[in-house]
């Protein structure tokens, strides 16, 4: 499957903001909405940000092999359903996945041709500041997320590209460039060349 883009990054790196801006720049992209047991935040919409389910429903989906990948992250379950992948990537449309390191590893194992992009903060100090600014988070949870972020940063080698989100506009420009390059891959455009060669006969 050549039409999957994986975007990951530690909590507080600005990944979600970049994905939202990327989807606005490329309306043809499709966003894979994950399932989660995490409580819905006030500004989130079920079916747009996540498919919010309880633990029992999530466990049932796991037992029935409905997920291409799933993982426990920060005490909550997250998963990408096969149904979501099939529906959103139909007709060769390019699918963007917002998954953690565990999920990215699973998707890359299943779909080696997927492009992996890892978003990182410019410094750990900047990451700490971003985590503290999230008013809905307790200090203890922010510390746990910082510890998890350090572990995730060590997995950067499994990704194809790294984007440092220091200045948002610059990071978005880098992300857009990678997406354009992805669209231009030989494997995705070989049919056009073969058409030219058939015409030369």
C-alpha atoms as a PDB file:
ATOM      1  CA  UNK A   1       0.000   0.000   0.000  1.00  0.00           C
ATOM      2  CA  UNK A   2       1.775   3.122  -1.259  1.00  0.00           C
ATOM      3  CA  UNK A   3      -0.741   5.722  -0.094  1.00  0.00           C
ATOM      4  CA  UNK A   4      -0.201   5.953   3.674  1.00  0.00           C
ATOM      5  CA  UNK A   5       1.576   8.803   5.467  1.00  0.00           C
ATOM      6  CA  UNK A   6       2.363   8.244   9.150  1.00  0.00           C
ATOM      7  CA  UNK A   7       2.909  11.304  11.343  1.00  0.00           C
ATOM      8  CA  UNK A   8       4.088  10.825  14.912  1.00  0.00           C
ATOM      9  CA  UNK A   9       5.659  12.880  17.650  1.00  0.00           C
ATOM     10  CA  UNK A  10       5.784  13.187  21.418  1.00  0.00           C
ATOM     11  CA  UNK A  11       2.925  14.847  23.265  1.00  0.00           C
ATOM     12  CA  UNK A  12       3.327  18.628  23.090  1.00  0.00           C
ATOM     13  CA  UNK A  13       5.364  18.730  19.878  1.00  0.00           C
ATOM     14  CA  UNK A  14       2.585  20.435  17.885  1.00  0.00           C
ATOM     15  CA  UNK A  15       1.870  17.424  15.696  1.00  0.00           C
ATOM     16  CA  UNK A  16      -1.932  17.763  15.767  1.00  0.00           C
ATOM     17  CA  UNK A  17      -1.743  21.437  14.784  1.00  0.00           C
ATOM     18  CA  UNK A  18       0.546  20.619  11.871  1.00  0.00           C
ATOM     19  CA  UNK A  19      -1.759  17.832  10.661  1.00  0.00           C
ATOM     20  CA  UNK A  20      -4.777  20.143  10.754  1.00  0.00           C
ATOM     21  CA  UNK A  21      -2.894  22.740   8.707  1.00  0.00           C
ATOM     22  CA  UNK A  22      -1.605  20.078   6.296  1.00  0.00           C
ATOM     23  CA  UNK A  23      -5.127  18.804   5.605  1.00  0.00           C
ATOM     24  CA  UNK A  24      -6.200  22.363   4.840  1.00  0.00           C
ATOM     25  CA  UNK A  25      -3.317  22.718   2.359  1.00  0.00           C
ATOM     26  CA  UNK A  26      -4.058  19.371   0.661  1.00  0.00           C
ATOM     27  CA  UNK A  27      -7.834  18.774   0.573  1.00  0.00           C
ATOM     28  CA  UNK A  28      -7.292  15.510  -1.333  1.00  0.00           C
ATOM     29  CA  UNK A  29      -5.650  13.946   1.723  1.00  0.00           C
ATOM     30  CA  UNK A  30      -7.824  11.823   3.988  1.00  0.00           C
ATOM     31  CA  UNK A  31      -7.346  11.708   7.751  1.00  0.00           C
ATOM     32  CA  UNK A  32      -7.658   8.380   9.548  1.00  0.00           C
ATOM     33  CA  UNK A  33      -9.781   8.907  12.656  1.00  0.00           C
ATOM     34  CA  UNK A  34      -8.547   6.634  15.450  1.00  0.00           C
ATOM     35  CA  UNK A  35     -10.607   4.916  18.128  1.00  0.00           C
ATOM     36  CA  UNK A  36      -9.775   5.794  21.722  1.00  0.00           C
ATOM     37  CA  UNK A  37     -10.937   5.196  25.268  1.00  0.00           C
ATOM     38  CA  UNK A  38      -9.651   8.637  26.281  1.00  0.00           C
ATOM     39  CA  UNK A  39     -12.370  11.023  27.526  1.00  0.00           C
ATOM     40  CA  UNK A  40     -13.497  13.566  24.954  1.00  0.00           C
ATOM     41  CA  UNK A  41     -12.228  17.110  25.516  1.00  0.00           C
ATOM     42  CA  UNK A  42     -14.634  20.084  25.267  1.00  0.00           C
ATOM     43  CA  UNK A  43     -13.468  21.145  21.789  1.00  0.00           C
ATOM     44  CA  UNK A  44     -13.434  17.635  20.294  1.00  0.00           C
ATOM     45  CA  UNK A  45     -16.089  16.075  18.072  1.00  0.00           C
ATOM     46  CA  UNK A  46     -16.799  12.353  18.011  1.00  0.00           C
ATOM     47  CA  UNK A  47     -16.035  10.963  14.565  1.00  0.00           C
ATOM     48  CA  UNK A  48     -13.930  13.965  13.582  1.00  0.00           C
ATOM     49  CA  UNK A  49     -11.126  13.975  16.149  1.00  0.00           C
ATOM     50  CA  UNK A  50     -11.541  10.410  17.422  1.00  0.00           C
ATOM     51  CA  UNK A  51     -14.093   7.656  17.603  1.00  0.00           C
ATOM     52  CA  UNK A  52     -14.662   7.771  21.375  1.00  0.00           C
ATOM     53  CA  UNK A  53     -15.562   4.372  22.849  1.00  0.00           C
ATOM     54  CA  UNK A  54     -15.516   2.792  26.298  1.00  0.00           C
ATOM     55  CA  UNK A  55     -13.030   0.102  27.293  1.00  0.00           C
ATOM     56  CA  UNK A  56     -15.502  -2.713  26.779  1.00  0.00           C
ATOM     57  CA  UNK A  57     -16.229  -1.655  23.203  1.00  0.00           C
ATOM     58  CA  UNK A  58     -12.532  -1.177  22.481  1.00  0.00           C
ATOM     59  CA  UNK A  59     -11.679  -4.623  23.876  1.00  0.00           C
ATOM     60  CA  UNK A  60     -14.400  -6.161  21.720  1.00  0.00           C
ATOM     61  CA  UNK A  61     -12.883  -4.563  18.620  1.00  0.00           C
ATOM     62  CA  UNK A  62      -9.462  -5.933  19.578  1.00  0.00           C
ATOM     63  CA  UNK A  63     -10.866  -9.450  20.087  1.00  0.00           C
ATOM     64  CA  UNK A  64     -12.563  -9.296  16.685  1.00  0.00           C
ATOM     65  CA  UNK A  65      -9.317  -8.215  14.956  1.00  0.00           C
ATOM     66  CA  UNK A  66     -10.835  -4.935  13.794  1.00  0.00           C
ATOM     67  CA  UNK A  67      -7.630  -2.915  14.304  1.00  0.00           C
ATOM     68  CA  UNK A  68      -4.632  -2.663  11.983  1.00  0.00           C
ATOM     69  CA  UNK A  69      -2.771  -1.390  15.055  1.00  0.00           C
ATOM     70  CA  UNK A  70      -3.593  -0.499  18.620  1.00  0.00           C
ATOM     71  CA  UNK A  71      -1.689   0.433  21.758  1.00  0.00           C
ATOM     72  CA  UNK A  72      -1.967   1.688  25.316  1.00  0.00           C
ATOM     73  CA  UNK A  73      -0.717   5.277  25.550  1.00  0.00           C
ATOM     74  CA  UNK A  74      -0.753   7.389  28.729  1.00  0.00           C
ATOM     75  CA  UNK A  75      -3.257   5.024  30.338  1.00  0.00           C
ATOM     76  CA  UNK A  76      -5.719   5.029  27.435  1.00  0.00           C
ATOM     77  CA  UNK A  77      -6.196   2.756  24.416  1.00  0.00           C
ATOM     78  CA  UNK A  78      -5.833   3.998  20.845  1.00  0.00           C
ATOM     79  CA  UNK A  79      -6.338   2.062  17.626  1.00  0.00           C
ATOM     80  CA  UNK A  80      -6.582   2.400  13.842  1.00  0.00           C
ATOM     81  CA  UNK A  81      -9.407   0.298  12.438  1.00  0.00           C
ATOM     82  CA  UNK A  82      -9.207  -1.674   9.212  1.00  0.00           C
ATOM     83  CA  UNK A  83     -12.583  -0.196   8.301  1.00  0.00           C
ATOM     84  CA  UNK A  84     -11.156   3.326   8.538  1.00  0.00           C
ATOM     85  CA  UNK A  85      -8.135   2.429   6.408  1.00  0.00           C
ATOM     86  CA  UNK A  86     -10.203   0.760   3.691  1.00  0.00           C
ATOM     87  CA  UNK A  87     -12.839   3.483   3.543  1.00  0.00           C
ATOM     88  CA  UNK A  88     -10.478   6.457   3.549  1.00  0.00           C
ATOM     89  CA  UNK A  89      -7.872   5.001   1.143  1.00  0.00           C
ATOM     90  CA  UNK A  90     -10.367   3.710  -1.440  1.00  0.00           C
ATOM     91  CA  UNK A  91      -9.558   4.673  -5.004  1.00  0.00           C
ATOM     92  CA  UNK A  92      -5.899   5.244  -4.217  1.00  0.00           C
ATOM     93  CA  UNK A  93      -6.539   8.273  -1.990  1.00  0.00           C
ATOM     94  CA  UNK A  94      -3.673   9.158   0.340  1.00  0.00           C
ATOM     95  CA  UNK A  95      -4.347   8.486   4.009  1.00  0.00           C
ATOM     96  CA  UNK A  96      -2.740  10.408   6.891  1.00  0.00           C
ATOM     97  CA  UNK A  97      -2.349   8.540  10.184  1.00  0.00           C
ATOM     98  CA  UNK A  98      -1.710  10.308  13.481  1.00  0.00           C
ATOM     99  CA  UNK A  99      -0.267   7.506  15.607  1.00  0.00           C
ATOM    100  CA  UNK A 100       2.267   7.063  18.389  1.00  0.00           C
ATOM    101  CA  UNK A 101       5.579   5.238  18.015  1.00  0.00           C
ATOM    102  CA  UNK A 102       4.041   1.840  18.778  1.00  0.00           C
ATOM    103  CA  UNK A 103       1.334   2.358  16.195  1.00  0.00           C
ATOM    104  CA  UNK A 104       3.816   3.624  13.610  1.00  0.00           C
ATOM    105  CA  UNK A 105       5.944   0.516  14.066  1.00  0.00           C
ATOM    106  CA  UNK A 106       2.924  -1.744  13.524  1.00  0.00           C
ATOM    107  CA  UNK A 107       1.762   0.151  10.435  1.00  0.00           C
ATOM    108  CA  UNK A 108       5.277   0.157   8.932  1.00  0.00           C
ATOM    109  CA  UNK A 109       5.499  -3.603   9.496  1.00  0.00           C
ATOM    110  CA  UNK A 110       2.190  -4.096   7.674  1.00  0.00           C
ATOM    111  CA  UNK A 111       2.780  -1.451   5.014  1.00  0.00           C
ATOM    112  CA  UNK A 112       6.563  -1.015   4.481  1.00  0.00           C
ATOM    113  CA  UNK A 113       6.008   1.556   1.713  1.00  0.00           C
ATOM    114  CA  UNK A 114       4.206   3.942   4.062  1.00  0.00           C
ATOM    115  CA  UNK A 115       6.112   7.195   4.649  1.00  0.00           C
ATOM    116  CA  UNK A 116       6.933   7.906   8.286  1.00  0.00           C
ATOM    117  CA  UNK A 117       7.414  11.482   9.537  1.00  0.00           C
ATOM    118  CA  UNK A 118       8.513  12.230  13.092  1.00  0.00           C
ATOM    119  CA  UNK A 119       7.770  15.685  14.531  1.00  0.00           C
ATOM    120  CA  UNK A 120      10.014  16.859  17.371  1.00  0.00           C
ATOM    121  CA  UNK A 121      10.221  20.030  19.485  1.00  0.00           C
ATOM    122  CA  UNK A 122      13.270  22.310  19.110  1.00  0.00           C
ATOM    123  CA  UNK A 123      14.381  21.717  22.721  1.00  0.00           C
ATOM    124  CA  UNK A 124      13.271  19.800  25.793  1.00  0.00           C
ATOM    125  CA  UNK A 125      12.684  23.135  27.506  1.00  0.00           C
ATOM    126  CA  UNK A 126      10.200  24.057  24.771  1.00  0.00           C
ATOM    127  CA  UNK A 127       8.468  20.696  25.196  1.00  0.00           C
ATOM    128  CA  UNK A 128       8.172  21.183  28.960  1.00  0.00           C
ATOM    129  CA  UNK A 129       6.693  24.637  28.411  1.00  0.00           C
ATOM    130  CA  UNK A 130       4.113  23.292  25.949  1.00  0.00           C
ATOM    131  CA  UNK A 131       3.092  20.498  28.306  1.00  0.00           C
ATOM    132  CA  UNK A 132       2.687  22.906  31.222  1.00  0.00           C
ATOM    133  CA  UNK A 133       0.539  25.231  29.080  1.00  0.00           C
ATOM    134  CA  UNK A 134      -2.136  22.556  28.697  1.00  0.00           C
ATOM    135  CA  UNK A 135      -4.418  23.629  31.503  1.00  0.00           C
ATOM    136  CA  UNK A 136      -6.428  20.435  31.499  1.00  0.00           C
ATOM    137  CA  UNK A 137      -3.346  18.408  32.451  1.00  0.00           C
ATOM    138  CA  UNK A 138      -2.153  17.860  35.988  1.00  0.00           C
ATOM    139  CA  UNK A 139       1.519  18.445  36.794  1.00  0.00           C
ATOM    140  CA  UNK A 140       1.941  14.731  37.465  1.00  0.00           C
ATOM    141  CA  UNK A 141       0.523  13.803  34.095  1.00  0.00           C
ATOM    142  CA  UNK A 142       2.737  16.387  32.375  1.00  0.00           C
ATOM    143  CA  UNK A 143       5.760  14.767  34.012  1.00  0.00           C
ATOM    144  CA  UNK A 144       4.649  11.317  32.854  1.00  0.00           C
ATOM    145  CA  UNK A 145       4.171  12.627  29.338  1.00  0.00           C
ATOM    146  CA  UNK A 146       7.633  14.180  29.362  1.00  0.00           C
ATOM    147  CA  UNK A 147       9.115  10.842  30.420  1.00  0.00           C
ATOM    148  CA  UNK A 148       7.209   9.102  27.635  1.00  0.00           C
ATOM    149  CA  UNK A 149       8.390  11.749  25.166  1.00  0.00           C
ATOM    150  CA  UNK A 150      12.019  10.975  25.945  1.00  0.00           C
ATOM    151  CA  UNK A 151      11.398   7.296  25.198  1.00  0.00           C
ATOM    152  CA  UNK A 152       9.615   8.156  21.952  1.00  0.00           C
ATOM    153  CA  UNK A 153      12.455  10.422  20.818  1.00  0.00           C
ATOM    154  CA  UNK A 154      14.823   7.462  20.933  1.00  0.00           C
ATOM    155  CA  UNK A 155      12.729   5.740  18.241  1.00  0.00           C
ATOM    156  CA  UNK A 156      13.386   8.441  15.624  1.00  0.00           C
ATOM    157  CA  UNK A 157      15.473   6.096  13.443  1.00  0.00           C
ATOM    158  CA  UNK A 158      12.431   4.086  12.388  1.00  0.00           C
ATOM    159  CA  UNK A 159      11.015   7.131  10.550  1.00  0.00           C
ATOM    160  CA  UNK A 160      11.918   8.287   7.063  1.00  0.00           C
ATOM    161  CA  UNK A 161      11.990  11.990   7.931  1.00  0.00           C
ATOM    162  CA  UNK A 162      12.257  14.250  10.988  1.00  0.00           C
ATOM    163  CA  UNK A 163      10.687  17.713  11.225  1.00  0.00           C
ATOM    164  CA  UNK A 164      11.771  20.092  13.982  1.00  0.00           C
ATOM    165  CA  UNK A 165       8.748  22.170  14.963  1.00  0.00           C
ATOM    166  CA  UNK A 166      10.481  25.335  16.114  1.00  0.00           C
ATOM    167  CA  UNK A 167       8.613  27.872  13.977  1.00  0.00           C
ATOM    168  CA  UNK A 168       5.187  26.610  12.887  1.00  0.00           C
ATOM    169  CA  UNK A 169       5.161  28.091   9.382  1.00  0.00           C
ATOM    170  CA  UNK A 170       8.585  26.640   8.615  1.00  0.00           C
ATOM    171  CA  UNK A 171       7.634  23.228   9.987  1.00  0.00           C
ATOM    172  CA  UNK A 172       4.462  23.242   7.885  1.00  0.00           C
ATOM    173  CA  UNK A 173       6.466  24.168   4.767  1.00  0.00           C
ATOM    174  CA  UNK A 174       8.786  21.208   5.420  1.00  0.00           C
ATOM    175  CA  UNK A 175       5.817  18.893   5.902  1.00  0.00           C
ATOM    176  CA  UNK A 176       4.187  20.082   2.677  1.00  0.00           C
ATOM    177  CA  UNK A 177       7.418  19.487   0.763  1.00  0.00           C
ATOM    178  CA  UNK A 178       7.564  15.909   2.029  1.00  0.00           C
ATOM    179  CA  UNK A 179       3.966  15.286   1.004  1.00  0.00           C
ATOM    180  CA  UNK A 180       4.601  16.641  -2.507  1.00  0.00           C
ATOM    181  CA  UNK A 181       7.672  14.393  -2.780  1.00  0.00           C
ATOM    182  CA  UNK A 182       5.529  11.465  -1.633  1.00  0.00           C
ATOM    183  CA  UNK A 183       3.034  12.212  -4.414  1.00  0.00           C
ATOM    184  CA  UNK A 184       5.888  12.214  -6.931  1.00  0.00           C
ATOM    185  CA  UNK A 185       7.344   8.829  -5.961  1.00  0.00           C
ATOM    186  CA  UNK A 186       8.164   6.576  -8.902  1.00  0.00           C
ATOM    187  CA  UNK A 187       5.962   3.785  -7.587  1.00  0.00           C
ATOM    188  CA  UNK A 188       2.941   6.100  -7.549  1.00  0.00           C
ATOM    189  CA  UNK A 189       3.548   7.543 -11.014  1.00  0.00           C
ATOM    190  CA  UNK A 190       4.947   4.660 -13.023  1.00  0.00           C
ATOM    191  CA  UNK A 191       1.719   4.303 -15.005  1.00  0.00           C
ATOM    192  CA  UNK A 192       2.246   7.741 -16.540  1.00  0.00           C
ATOM    193  CA  UNK A 193       5.731   6.804 -17.757  1.00  0.00           C
ATOM    194  CA  UNK A 194       4.527   3.450 -19.097  1.00  0.00           C
ATOM    195  CA  UNK A 195       1.814   5.305 -21.037  1.00  0.00           C
ATOM    196  CA  UNK A 196       4.493   7.450 -22.672  1.00  0.00           C
ATOM    197  CA  UNK A 197       6.547   4.403 -23.578  1.00  0.00           C
ATOM    198  CA  UNK A 198       3.546   2.680 -25.149  1.00  0.00           C
ATOM    199  CA  UNK A 199       3.014   5.756 -27.307  1.00  0.00           C
ATOM    200  CA  UNK A 200       6.603   5.563 -28.590  1.00  0.00           C
ATOM    201  CA  UNK A 201       6.114   2.139 -30.134  1.00  0.00           C
END
